[in-house]
């Protein structure tokens, strides 16, 4: 069902400093910040030859990333995103197998302009999983 790894998301307490570290210290191609109000985050994508790193920073007081950073002030890995061909079929198959889809269960449009949904970390060894339709 799952395809390739799309990205690893890292919540960061200072978006500009994190982007500069990837750009200057690691020599990575760093994208521009983009606000994602539907998800309560500002993101920057780091382009790698085989995948992406997504830097996450809270957008607004109600951001889920703010809560994550309150518990993890230095930041840390927030989620892993896998590609799927049909997000609705993947959701239905996972739900039938007992996995919990977060939110309403209906896909939202993610930072890449494609449908995404999240799976409860307690169902995947403590790892929050994002699925993105390709």
C-alpha atoms as a PDB file:
ATOM      1  CA  UNK A   1       0.000   0.000   0.000  1.00  0.00           C
ATOM      2  CA  UNK A   2       2.607   2.598   0.983  1.00  0.00           C
ATOM      3  CA  UNK A   3       4.989   3.904  -1.598  1.00  0.00           C
ATOM      4  CA  UNK A   4       8.163   5.854  -1.197  1.00  0.00           C
ATOM      5  CA  UNK A   5       9.127   7.999   1.761  1.00  0.00           C
ATOM      6  CA  UNK A   6       7.970  11.515   0.902  1.00  0.00           C
ATOM      7  CA  UNK A   7       9.490  13.392   3.841  1.00  0.00           C
ATOM      8  CA  UNK A   8      10.518  13.378   7.471  1.00  0.00           C
ATOM      9  CA  UNK A   9       9.066  16.316   9.415  1.00  0.00           C
ATOM     10  CA  UNK A  10      11.049  17.985  12.187  1.00  0.00           C
ATOM     11  CA  UNK A  11       9.452  20.479  14.567  1.00  0.00           C
ATOM     12  CA  UNK A  12      11.875  23.345  15.268  1.00  0.00           C
ATOM     13  CA  UNK A  13      11.871  26.155  17.829  1.00  0.00           C
ATOM     14  CA  UNK A  14      13.578  28.599  15.411  1.00  0.00           C
ATOM     15  CA  UNK A  15      12.660  28.155  11.751  1.00  0.00           C
ATOM     16  CA  UNK A  16      15.233  30.583  10.343  1.00  0.00           C
ATOM     17  CA  UNK A  17      18.086  29.084  12.366  1.00  0.00           C
ATOM     18  CA  UNK A  18      17.137  25.543  11.346  1.00  0.00           C
ATOM     19  CA  UNK A  19      16.916  26.499   7.663  1.00  0.00           C
ATOM     20  CA  UNK A  20      20.282  28.260   7.859  1.00  0.00           C
ATOM     21  CA  UNK A  21      21.878  25.208   9.465  1.00  0.00           C
ATOM     22  CA  UNK A  22      20.691  22.916   6.664  1.00  0.00           C
ATOM     23  CA  UNK A  23      21.704  25.446   4.002  1.00  0.00           C
ATOM     24  CA  UNK A  24      25.029  26.656   5.406  1.00  0.00           C
ATOM     25  CA  UNK A  25      26.393  23.717   7.389  1.00  0.00           C
ATOM     26  CA  UNK A  26      25.001  20.854   5.292  1.00  0.00           C
ATOM     27  CA  UNK A  27      24.846  22.543   1.881  1.00  0.00           C
ATOM     28  CA  UNK A  28      21.236  21.521   1.275  1.00  0.00           C
ATOM     29  CA  UNK A  29      18.773  23.207  -1.061  1.00  0.00           C
ATOM     30  CA  UNK A  30      16.356  25.067   1.234  1.00  0.00           C
ATOM     31  CA  UNK A  31      12.955  26.247   0.067  1.00  0.00           C
ATOM     32  CA  UNK A  32      11.071  29.355   1.123  1.00  0.00           C
ATOM     33  CA  UNK A  33       8.810  29.380   4.186  1.00  0.00           C
ATOM     34  CA  UNK A  34       5.159  28.708   3.434  1.00  0.00           C
ATOM     35  CA  UNK A  35       2.266  29.172   5.812  1.00  0.00           C
ATOM     36  CA  UNK A  36      -0.249  26.338   6.010  1.00  0.00           C
ATOM     37  CA  UNK A  37      -3.133  27.834   8.033  1.00  0.00           C
ATOM     38  CA  UNK A  38      -5.326  24.714   7.719  1.00  0.00           C
ATOM     39  CA  UNK A  39      -2.637  22.754   9.557  1.00  0.00           C
ATOM     40  CA  UNK A  40      -1.439  25.526  11.909  1.00  0.00           C
ATOM     41  CA  UNK A  41       2.160  25.454  10.694  1.00  0.00           C
ATOM     42  CA  UNK A  42       4.768  27.293   8.707  1.00  0.00           C
ATOM     43  CA  UNK A  43       6.913  24.848   6.734  1.00  0.00           C
ATOM     44  CA  UNK A  44      10.210  24.911   4.904  1.00  0.00           C
ATOM     45  CA  UNK A  45      11.170  21.991   2.696  1.00  0.00           C
ATOM     46  CA  UNK A  46      14.769  20.833   2.446  1.00  0.00           C
ATOM     47  CA  UNK A  47      15.335  19.083  -0.886  1.00  0.00           C
ATOM     48  CA  UNK A  48      17.517  15.978  -0.781  1.00  0.00           C
ATOM     49  CA  UNK A  49      18.384  13.691  -3.710  1.00  0.00           C
ATOM     50  CA  UNK A  50      16.128  10.874  -2.448  1.00  0.00           C
ATOM     51  CA  UNK A  51      13.503  12.611  -0.240  1.00  0.00           C
ATOM     52  CA  UNK A  52      12.731  15.812   1.663  1.00  0.00           C
ATOM     53  CA  UNK A  53      13.000  17.125   5.204  1.00  0.00           C
ATOM     54  CA  UNK A  54      10.078  19.292   6.309  1.00  0.00           C
ATOM     55  CA  UNK A  55      10.853  21.859   8.992  1.00  0.00           C
ATOM     56  CA  UNK A  56       7.719  22.700  11.016  1.00  0.00           C
ATOM     57  CA  UNK A  57       7.117  25.826  13.061  1.00  0.00           C
ATOM     58  CA  UNK A  58       3.908  26.840  14.869  1.00  0.00           C
ATOM     59  CA  UNK A  59       1.556  29.179  13.022  1.00  0.00           C
ATOM     60  CA  UNK A  60      -0.674  30.719  15.677  1.00  0.00           C
ATOM     61  CA  UNK A  61      -1.330  29.923  19.316  1.00  0.00           C
ATOM     62  CA  UNK A  62      -3.523  26.884  18.569  1.00  0.00           C
ATOM     63  CA  UNK A  63      -0.899  25.140  16.448  1.00  0.00           C
ATOM     64  CA  UNK A  64      -0.399  21.446  17.251  1.00  0.00           C
ATOM     65  CA  UNK A  65       3.324  22.088  16.783  1.00  0.00           C
ATOM     66  CA  UNK A  66       3.284  24.548  19.701  1.00  0.00           C
ATOM     67  CA  UNK A  67       2.180  21.723  22.010  1.00  0.00           C
ATOM     68  CA  UNK A  68       4.862  19.439  20.597  1.00  0.00           C
ATOM     69  CA  UNK A  69       7.547  22.088  21.212  1.00  0.00           C
ATOM     70  CA  UNK A  70       6.245  22.707  24.740  1.00  0.00           C
ATOM     71  CA  UNK A  71       6.994  19.044  25.462  1.00  0.00           C
ATOM     72  CA  UNK A  72      10.184  19.019  23.343  1.00  0.00           C
ATOM     73  CA  UNK A  73      11.703  22.529  23.574  1.00  0.00           C
ATOM     74  CA  UNK A  74      14.722  21.651  21.423  1.00  0.00           C
ATOM     75  CA  UNK A  75      12.441  20.278  18.697  1.00  0.00           C
ATOM     76  CA  UNK A  76      12.539  16.825  17.189  1.00  0.00           C
ATOM     77  CA  UNK A  77      11.090  14.435  14.643  1.00  0.00           C
ATOM     78  CA  UNK A  78       7.354  15.031  14.443  1.00  0.00           C
ATOM     79  CA  UNK A  79       6.164  12.622  11.728  1.00  0.00           C
ATOM     80  CA  UNK A  80       7.072  10.492   8.736  1.00  0.00           C
ATOM     81  CA  UNK A  81       5.171  10.881   5.455  1.00  0.00           C
ATOM     82  CA  UNK A  82       4.615   8.031   3.010  1.00  0.00           C
ATOM     83  CA  UNK A  83       3.110   8.261  -0.446  1.00  0.00           C
ATOM     84  CA  UNK A  84      -0.013   6.311  -1.425  1.00  0.00           C
ATOM     85  CA  UNK A  85      -1.737   6.057  -4.782  1.00  0.00           C
ATOM     86  CA  UNK A  86      -5.293   6.307  -3.445  1.00  0.00           C
ATOM     87  CA  UNK A  87      -5.660   7.986  -0.064  1.00  0.00           C
ATOM     88  CA  UNK A  88      -9.311   7.039   0.362  1.00  0.00           C
ATOM     89  CA  UNK A  89      -8.632   3.356  -0.324  1.00  0.00           C
ATOM     90  CA  UNK A  90      -5.612   3.476   2.015  1.00  0.00           C
ATOM     91  CA  UNK A  91      -7.728   5.102   4.755  1.00  0.00           C
ATOM     92  CA  UNK A  92     -10.454   2.508   4.383  1.00  0.00           C
ATOM     93  CA  UNK A  93      -8.006  -0.412   4.417  1.00  0.00           C
ATOM     94  CA  UNK A  94      -6.163   0.950   7.465  1.00  0.00           C
ATOM     95  CA  UNK A  95      -9.400   1.687   9.340  1.00  0.00           C
ATOM     96  CA  UNK A  96     -10.620  -1.853   8.635  1.00  0.00           C
ATOM     97  CA  UNK A  97      -7.345  -3.135  10.096  1.00  0.00           C
ATOM     98  CA  UNK A  98      -7.914  -1.110  13.285  1.00  0.00           C
ATOM     99  CA  UNK A  99      -5.705   1.919  12.650  1.00  0.00           C
ATOM    100  CA  UNK A 100      -7.093   5.248  13.828  1.00  0.00           C
ATOM    101  CA  UNK A 101      -7.193   8.143  11.390  1.00  0.00           C
ATOM    102  CA  UNK A 102      -6.863  11.501  13.132  1.00  0.00           C
ATOM    103  CA  UNK A 103      -9.371  14.315  12.747  1.00  0.00           C
ATOM    104  CA  UNK A 104     -12.556  13.750  10.778  1.00  0.00           C
ATOM    105  CA  UNK A 105     -10.953  11.042   8.654  1.00  0.00           C
ATOM    106  CA  UNK A 106     -11.431  13.127   5.554  1.00  0.00           C
ATOM    107  CA  UNK A 107      -8.207  14.056   3.742  1.00  0.00           C
ATOM    108  CA  UNK A 108      -7.088  17.697   3.821  1.00  0.00           C
ATOM    109  CA  UNK A 109      -4.892  19.422   1.282  1.00  0.00           C
ATOM    110  CA  UNK A 110      -1.290  19.408   2.491  1.00  0.00           C
ATOM    111  CA  UNK A 111       1.744  21.592   1.838  1.00  0.00           C
ATOM    112  CA  UNK A 112       2.349  19.991  -1.570  1.00  0.00           C
ATOM    113  CA  UNK A 113      -1.220  20.726  -2.688  1.00  0.00           C
ATOM    114  CA  UNK A 114      -2.168  17.039  -2.459  1.00  0.00           C
ATOM    115  CA  UNK A 115      -4.587  15.193  -0.145  1.00  0.00           C
ATOM    116  CA  UNK A 116      -3.097  14.079   3.179  1.00  0.00           C
ATOM    117  CA  UNK A 117      -4.232  12.433   6.386  1.00  0.00           C
ATOM    118  CA  UNK A 118      -2.582  11.405   9.625  1.00  0.00           C
ATOM    119  CA  UNK A 119      -2.608   8.095  11.507  1.00  0.00           C
ATOM    120  CA  UNK A 120      -2.519   7.847  15.290  1.00  0.00           C
ATOM    121  CA  UNK A 121       1.009   7.274  16.609  1.00  0.00           C
ATOM    122  CA  UNK A 122      -0.182   4.731  19.179  1.00  0.00           C
ATOM    123  CA  UNK A 123      -1.092   2.458  16.267  1.00  0.00           C
ATOM    124  CA  UNK A 124       2.400   2.725  14.669  1.00  0.00           C
ATOM    125  CA  UNK A 125       4.987   2.167  17.418  1.00  0.00           C
ATOM    126  CA  UNK A 126       4.764   5.764  18.655  1.00  0.00           C
ATOM    127  CA  UNK A 127       5.338   7.344  15.235  1.00  0.00           C
ATOM    128  CA  UNK A 128       2.833   9.810  13.785  1.00  0.00           C
ATOM    129  CA  UNK A 129       2.301   8.784  10.157  1.00  0.00           C
ATOM    130  CA  UNK A 130       1.187  11.106   7.370  1.00  0.00           C
ATOM    131  CA  UNK A 131      -0.114   9.648   4.118  1.00  0.00           C
ATOM    132  CA  UNK A 132       0.008  11.777   0.973  1.00  0.00           C
ATOM    133  CA  UNK A 133      -1.737  10.863  -2.269  1.00  0.00           C
ATOM    134  CA  UNK A 134       0.543  11.064  -5.297  1.00  0.00           C
END
